[in-house]
Each structure stands twice: as structure tokens, then as C-alpha cells.
Amino acid sequence: MATGDDDFLAERFEAHRSRLSAVARRMLGSAAEADDAVREAWVRLSRSSGESAGKEIDDLAGWLTTVVGRVCLDMLRSRRSGAEEPPENRAPAAPHEEADPAQDALLADSVGVALLVVLDTLTPGERLAFVLHDLFGVSYEEVASITDRTPGAARQLAGRARRRVRGAHEPDVDLTRQRKVVDAFLAAARDGDFVKVLAVLDPDVVARSEAGVVAGAPAVAAGASRFTFVGAVARPALVDGATGLAVLCGGRVERTIRFSFVRGGRIAVIDVETDPDRISETDVVLL
């Protein structure tokens, strides 16, 4: 494209940047990742078809929102893979981009800590459907096209997310109560006591590991025995400062389990890490 065409396209993109950034930040919960998503949208727009890229798209706002939504969805799905993209494949900076080290703090202030915690418990599809439809007014038809689902399925995704968000509470910060809940969880898991495990879980609890995401108290409780292993010792621990468990084999930490709690002490999120490299970089303090 000629310089004039570049300027024309950049101007059209800049007119939508603020909204795209807001969508991506609420979707990802990270200003840095949001900037990457918006940057990728610019790259795709600039590469789409030269001068006609911005002119032949009747609804540029919708087109860019779809692109950012799909990019965010891919990022959410691959978050736990830990794969780093080679530097040469990273998208170049979009025009007039400015870095702001305070963006993540501002994001937490604007969205609310409780909402960010709850959003982190949603599946990628639920999170995208809720953020786009409920926070930004994107139609279910558009959400469906981004998630490759029917409008009815998109509506169900948003509905499930909405119920969790409406029932959200401020995170529980009572460490003494958290320790008691972890002890109760561990004892019940060792005994295979489904009812007692269920008693310490939030109804919408989510368990995340390299194997995927399990949502809902019954499903998580049913698989709780997987957190204990023959020949291994599970100990309460602080995992990067968060209340959790360390599973040791031969005196070495084989995996970490980090919990997030909602008010009242019930477990809302269970993050299981088994990657040796990540565990080696994790601060684990046995309790």
C-alpha cells in the first residue's frame, strides 16, 4: 500500500482502538495481553487486502471486534500451554501505540477485583460470550460467529457466565479459614468422601490443569481423589503466596495445587500444575 493508504487505514483503526482495547482487557484480564490482541487485529486489517481492506468492510467496528474476540479466545485457550511464540513471529506495533505500566492496576480498578476473579473461573467460551454481549452489547449472532456456535448456544454460554457473575462474592482473604478448608478438602479427597469434598466447594468451582478444565462442584468432587497419589505425600503449602497444596514424591515437589476462595471459605478455583519447569520457578512454602 502507498503511504496515503497506510495513513487512511491507520486513521480508521485508531477510531476503534479504545473500544477494542476495552474488550480485550476485560476478556483477558491483562493489559499487556490485551495490547497484543489489539496489535494482532491491526496486523490482520493491514494485511487483508491492501487499500481496499478498510473500504470494502461495511462494518469495520464489527469486523475488528470479531477479530479481537477470536484472538482473545485463542489466547485464553492456549494460556496453560505456556508456549512462547518466536520473536520473529510476533506482530509489529500498531500505529501510535503507547505503553502504560499502570494499565493493569487501572484495569482492576475499572472492572473490579471480584469480577476479574469470577471471569477467571469461566471457560474461554463463557468468558467471551459474557464480556462481548453483557459488557459491550454485541449480539448473540455475532458472538456465535466468533465462537463457531449457534446463537442459541452463545446465549447459553452467556447465561451460565451471567449466573456465576451475579452470584460472585469478594474473594475470601482469611488465611486461617483457608487453611482449615484445605485440610478438610485434603482429608476428604484421601478418603474418597464425595459429600465432604462437595461441602467445601463453591457450586461453580472450576478445576484447571494441563488436561483441561472441569467445572461445577459435582464434577470436581468426583475427581478429587486424583489430587492424592500412591507413594506421594500431599502437604498444605503456600504456592506463590496463595493457599494450596504441594504434592511431594521422594521429598521433591511433583505438583502444586493452588486454590482461590470466595467469601465464606468455599473453594472457587483449583489450579493444578505438573510442569517441572514451572514448578521449579514457583515459590512453595510447606505449612
Protein backbone atom coordinates (compact mmCIF):
# COMPACT_ATOMS: atom_id res chain seq x y z
CA MET A 1 0.00 0.00 0.00
CA ALA A 2 1.06 3.56 -0.58
CA THR A 3 1.78 5.81 2.38
CA GLY A 4 -1.50 7.64 1.91
CA ASP A 5 -3.42 4.38 2.05
CA ASP A 6 -1.50 3.35 5.16
CA ASP A 7 -2.48 6.61 6.81
CA PHE A 8 -6.12 6.18 5.81
CA LEU A 9 -6.26 2.67 7.25
CA ALA A 10 -4.42 3.71 10.41
CA GLU A 11 -6.87 6.56 10.99
CA ARG A 12 -9.84 4.23 10.66
CA PHE A 13 -8.23 1.73 13.01
CA GLU A 14 -7.39 4.39 15.59
CA ALA A 15 -11.04 5.42 15.70
CA HIS A 16 -11.85 1.96 17.12
CA ARG A 17 -8.75 1.38 19.26
CA SER A 18 -10.22 2.41 22.62
CA ARG A 19 -13.19 0.07 22.32
CA LEU A 20 -11.04 -2.82 21.08
CA SER A 21 -8.65 -2.31 24.00
CA ALA A 22 -11.53 -2.28 26.47
CA VAL A 23 -12.94 -5.52 25.02
CA ALA A 24 -9.56 -7.25 25.08
CA ARG A 25 -8.67 -6.12 28.60
CA ARG A 26 -11.91 -7.38 30.07
CA MET A 27 -11.59 -10.59 28.08
CA LEU A 28 -8.02 -11.32 29.10
CA GLY A 29 -7.63 -9.53 32.43
CA SER A 30 -4.19 -8.31 31.37
CA ALA A 31 -3.27 -5.00 29.77
CA ALA A 32 -0.16 -6.49 28.16
CA GLU A 33 -2.04 -9.38 26.56
CA ALA A 34 -4.81 -7.01 25.50
CA ASP A 35 -2.26 -4.86 23.70
CA ASP A 36 -1.04 -7.97 21.88
CA ALA A 37 -4.59 -8.81 20.80
CA VAL A 38 -5.27 -5.29 19.51
CA ARG A 39 -1.92 -5.27 17.73
CA GLU A 40 -2.83 -8.53 16.01
CA ALA A 41 -6.12 -7.03 14.86
CA TRP A 42 -4.19 -4.16 13.24
CA VAL A 43 -1.84 -6.60 11.51
CA ARG A 44 -4.74 -8.62 10.10
CA LEU A 45 -6.50 -5.50 8.92
CA SER A 46 -3.41 -4.06 7.27
CA ARG A 47 -2.69 -7.36 5.51
CA SER A 48 -6.23 -8.21 4.47
CA SER A 49 -6.41 -6.64 1.03
CA GLY A 50 -4.28 -3.56 0.69
CA GLU A 51 -6.09 -0.28 0.10
CA SER A 52 -9.47 -1.97 -0.06
CA ALA A 53 -9.05 -3.51 3.39
CA GLY A 54 -10.74 -0.70 5.26
CA LYS A 55 -13.01 0.40 2.42
CA GLU A 56 -14.74 -2.84 1.47
CA ILE A 57 -15.63 -3.76 5.05
CA ASP A 58 -19.09 -2.33 5.57
CA ASP A 59 -18.99 -2.68 9.35
CA LEU A 60 -15.38 -2.14 10.33
CA ALA A 61 -16.23 -1.92 14.03
CA GLY A 62 -17.92 -5.33 13.89
CA TRP A 63 -15.11 -6.81 11.80
CA LEU A 64 -12.45 -5.64 14.25
CA THR A 65 -14.45 -6.78 17.27
CA THR A 66 -14.76 -10.23 15.70
CA VAL A 67 -11.03 -10.38 15.05
CA VAL A 68 -10.14 -9.26 18.57
CA GLY A 69 -12.67 -11.70 20.01
CA ARG A 70 -11.20 -14.62 18.10
CA VAL A 71 -7.65 -13.64 19.01
CA CYS A 72 -8.61 -13.38 22.70
CA LEU A 73 -10.41 -16.72 22.53
CA ASP A 74 -7.29 -18.37 21.13
CA MET A 75 -5.15 -16.74 23.82
CA LEU A 76 -7.46 -17.92 26.60
CA ARG A 77 -7.46 -21.47 25.22
CA SER A 78 -3.69 -21.63 24.94
CA ARG A 79 -2.83 -19.83 28.19
CA ARG A 80 -1.95 -23.02 30.03
CA SER A 81 0.20 -24.40 27.24
CA GLY A 82 2.96 -21.97 28.18
CA ALA A 83 4.23 -21.96 24.61
CA GLU A 84 6.18 -18.85 23.74
CA GLU A 85 5.82 -17.50 20.24
CA PRO A 86 9.16 -16.96 18.49
CA PRO A 87 10.11 -13.26 18.45
CA GLU A 88 10.20 -13.18 14.67
CA ASN A 89 6.53 -14.21 14.55
CA ARG A 90 5.30 -11.53 16.93
CA ALA A 91 3.15 -8.88 15.37
CA PRO A 92 4.66 -5.42 14.81
CA ALA A 93 3.38 -2.50 16.80
CA ALA A 94 0.15 -0.89 15.69
CA PRO A 95 0.33 2.82 14.86
CA HIS A 96 0.72 5.33 17.71
CA GLU A 97 0.83 2.60 20.37
CA GLU A 98 1.87 3.78 23.83
CA ALA A 99 2.88 1.57 26.75
CA ASP A 100 1.46 2.33 30.18
CA PRO A 101 2.86 0.32 33.12
CA ALA A 102 -0.14 1.31 35.27
CA GLN A 103 -2.71 -0.22 32.91
CA ASP A 104 -3.12 -3.48 34.81
CA ALA A 105 -3.85 -1.60 38.04
CA LEU A 106 -6.34 0.63 36.25
CA LEU A 107 -7.95 -2.44 34.75
CA ALA A 108 -8.52 -3.96 38.17
CA ASP A 109 -10.00 -0.69 39.40
CA SER A 110 -12.37 -0.31 36.45
CA VAL A 111 -13.58 -3.89 36.23
CA GLY A 112 -13.47 -4.74 39.91
CA VAL A 113 -11.36 -7.35 41.62
CA ALA A 114 -14.33 -9.62 42.26
CA LEU A 115 -15.36 -9.62 38.59
CA LEU A 116 -11.82 -10.40 37.47
CA VAL A 117 -11.71 -13.33 39.88
CA VAL A 118 -15.02 -14.67 38.61
CA LEU A 119 -14.10 -14.16 34.95
CA ASP A 120 -11.01 -16.26 35.59
CA THR A 121 -13.23 -19.19 36.58
CA LEU A 122 -15.17 -19.16 33.30
CA THR A 123 -14.38 -21.28 30.29
CA PRO A 124 -12.99 -19.31 27.32
CA GLY A 125 -16.34 -19.53 25.52
CA GLU A 126 -18.32 -18.39 28.56
CA ARG A 127 -15.95 -15.54 29.19
CA LEU A 128 -16.08 -14.31 25.60
CA ALA A 129 -19.87 -14.56 25.39
CA PHE A 130 -20.39 -12.71 28.67
CA VAL A 131 -17.88 -9.94 28.01
CA LEU A 132 -18.97 -9.28 24.43
CA HIS A 133 -22.73 -9.50 25.00
CA ASP A 134 -23.28 -8.26 28.54
CA LEU A 135 -20.49 -5.68 28.78
CA PHE A 136 -20.30 -4.45 25.18
CA GLY A 137 -23.70 -5.20 23.67
CA VAL A 138 -22.50 -7.50 20.90
CA SER A 139 -25.39 -9.57 19.54
CA TYR A 140 -25.62 -13.30 20.14
CA GLU A 141 -25.43 -13.79 16.37
CA GLU A 142 -22.03 -12.07 16.31
CA VAL A 143 -20.86 -13.96 19.40
CA ALA A 144 -21.93 -17.19 17.70
CA SER A 145 -19.83 -16.41 14.64
CA ILE A 146 -16.76 -15.81 16.80
CA THR A 147 -17.18 -18.98 18.89
CA ASP A 148 -18.32 -21.16 15.96
CA ARG A 149 -21.58 -21.96 17.73
CA THR A 150 -25.25 -21.32 17.11
CA PRO A 151 -26.83 -18.14 18.52
CA GLY A 152 -28.76 -20.34 20.96
CA ALA A 153 -25.54 -21.93 22.21
CA ALA A 154 -23.94 -18.49 22.53
CA ARG A 155 -26.91 -17.38 24.60
CA GLN A 156 -26.45 -20.39 26.89
CA LEU A 157 -22.74 -19.62 27.31
CA ALA A 158 -23.51 -16.06 28.33
CA GLY A 159 -26.30 -17.24 30.63
CA ARG A 160 -24.03 -19.63 32.51
CA ALA A 161 -21.39 -16.92 32.88
CA ARG A 162 -24.00 -14.39 34.00
CA ARG A 163 -25.24 -16.67 36.76
CA ARG A 164 -21.73 -17.06 38.11
CA VAL A 165 -21.02 -13.35 37.96
CA ARG A 166 -24.30 -12.45 39.66
CA GLY A 167 -23.52 -14.88 42.44
CA ALA A 168 -19.94 -13.66 42.85
CA HIS A 169 -18.58 -12.50 46.17
CA GLU A 170 -15.42 -10.72 47.17
CA PRO A 171 -12.53 -13.19 47.46
CA ASP A 172 -12.06 -14.70 50.90
CA VAL A 173 -8.82 -13.43 52.50
CA ASP A 174 -9.00 -15.21 55.87
CA LEU A 175 -5.85 -17.39 55.76
CA THR A 176 -6.78 -19.31 58.91
CA ARG A 177 -10.15 -20.27 57.43
CA GLN A 178 -8.50 -21.12 54.11
CA ARG A 179 -6.10 -23.49 55.87
CA LYS A 180 -9.00 -25.27 57.58
CA VAL A 181 -10.80 -25.63 54.25
CA VAL A 182 -7.67 -27.04 52.59
CA ASP A 183 -7.20 -29.52 55.43
CA ALA A 184 -10.83 -30.60 55.09
CA PHE A 185 -10.51 -30.90 51.32
CA LEU A 186 -7.35 -32.98 51.57
CA ALA A 187 -8.79 -35.33 54.19
CA ALA A 188 -11.98 -35.84 52.22
CA ALA A 189 -10.08 -36.40 48.97
CA ARG A 190 -7.85 -39.01 50.60
CA ASP A 191 -10.89 -40.81 51.98
CA GLY A 192 -12.77 -40.54 48.69
CA ASP A 193 -15.62 -38.89 50.59
CA PHE A 194 -17.64 -37.22 47.84
CA VAL A 195 -20.07 -35.49 50.20
CA LYS A 196 -17.34 -33.91 52.34
CA VAL A 197 -15.40 -32.72 49.29
CA LEU A 198 -18.60 -31.23 47.91
CA ALA A 199 -19.15 -29.36 51.19
CA VAL A 200 -16.01 -27.21 50.77
CA LEU A 201 -16.53 -26.40 47.08
CA ASP A 202 -18.36 -23.43 45.62
CA PRO A 203 -21.20 -24.69 43.37
CA ASP A 204 -19.48 -23.15 40.32
CA VAL A 205 -15.96 -24.26 41.22
CA VAL A 206 -13.53 -24.74 38.33
CA ALA A 207 -10.52 -27.07 38.34
CA ARG A 208 -7.83 -26.33 35.74
CA SER A 209 -4.85 -28.44 34.72
CA GLU A 210 -2.88 -29.40 31.64
CA ALA A 211 -5.62 -31.93 30.96
CA GLY A 212 -8.26 -29.22 30.62
CA VAL A 213 -10.98 -27.56 32.66
CA VAL A 214 -13.58 -29.25 34.87
CA ALA A 215 -16.45 -27.05 36.01
CA GLY A 216 -19.13 -27.50 38.65
CA ALA A 217 -18.91 -28.88 42.18
CA PRO A 218 -20.20 -32.41 41.40
CA ALA A 219 -17.70 -32.96 38.57
CA VAL A 220 -14.78 -31.56 40.56
CA ALA A 221 -15.72 -33.53 43.68
CA ALA A 222 -15.97 -36.72 41.64
CA GLY A 223 -12.38 -36.31 40.51
CA ALA A 224 -10.94 -35.03 43.79
CA SER A 225 -9.19 -38.31 44.56
CA ARG A 226 -6.81 -37.53 41.69
CA PHE A 227 -5.21 -34.92 43.93
CA THR A 228 -3.70 -37.68 46.11
CA PHE A 229 -1.32 -40.32 44.79
CA VAL A 230 0.08 -43.65 45.88
CA GLY A 231 3.64 -43.12 47.09
CA ALA A 232 3.21 -39.35 47.27
CA VAL A 233 2.58 -37.00 50.16
CA ALA A 234 0.23 -34.03 49.84
CA ARG A 235 1.04 -31.16 52.21
CA PRO A 236 -0.70 -27.81 52.79
CA ALA A 237 1.51 -25.09 51.37
CA LEU A 238 1.71 -21.52 50.18
CA VAL A 239 2.08 -21.63 46.40
CA ASP A 240 3.43 -18.28 45.22
CA GLY A 241 1.80 -16.84 48.31
CA ALA A 242 -1.60 -18.46 47.69
CA THR A 243 -3.10 -21.17 49.91
CA GLY A 244 -2.73 -24.58 48.32
CA LEU A 245 -1.12 -28.00 48.38
CA ALA A 246 2.26 -29.37 47.41
CA VAL A 247 2.39 -33.00 46.33
CA LEU A 248 5.80 -34.50 47.12
CA CYS A 249 7.38 -37.71 45.93
CA GLY A 250 10.73 -38.67 47.40
CA GLY A 251 10.90 -35.29 49.08
CA ARG A 252 10.59 -33.43 45.76
CA VAL A 253 7.58 -31.35 44.72
CA GLU A 254 5.88 -33.25 41.90
CA ARG A 255 2.94 -30.89 41.51
CA THR A 256 1.36 -27.85 43.06
CA ILE A 257 -2.31 -27.16 43.66
CA ARG A 258 -3.35 -23.55 44.20
CA PHE A 259 -6.79 -22.57 45.49
CA SER A 260 -8.87 -19.42 45.19
CA PHE A 261 -11.73 -18.87 47.65
CA VAL A 262 -14.97 -16.95 47.71
CA ARG A 263 -16.30 -15.31 50.87
CA GLY A 264 -17.32 -17.91 53.39
CA GLY A 265 -14.28 -20.01 52.60
CA ARG A 266 -15.52 -22.24 49.81
CA ILE A 267 -13.07 -23.16 47.06
CA ALA A 268 -13.84 -21.38 43.79
CA VAL A 269 -10.81 -22.23 41.64
CA ILE A 270 -8.33 -25.11 41.73
CA ASP A 271 -5.18 -24.69 39.62
CA VAL A 272 -3.06 -27.82 39.23
CA GLU A 273 0.49 -27.50 37.92
CA THR A 274 2.62 -30.51 36.94
CA ASP A 275 5.18 -28.96 34.60
CA PRO A 276 8.63 -29.39 36.24
CA ASP A 277 9.99 -26.16 34.77
CA ARG A 278 7.09 -24.10 36.05
CA ILE A 279 7.20 -25.79 39.44
CA SER A 280 10.91 -25.02 39.72
CA GLU A 281 10.08 -21.32 39.29
CA THR A 282 7.26 -21.44 41.84
CA ASP A 283 7.73 -20.33 45.44
CA VAL A 284 6.46 -23.25 47.54
CA VAL A 285 6.42 -22.96 51.35
CA LEU A 286 5.22 -26.05 53.19
CA LEU A 287 2.89 -25.35 56.12
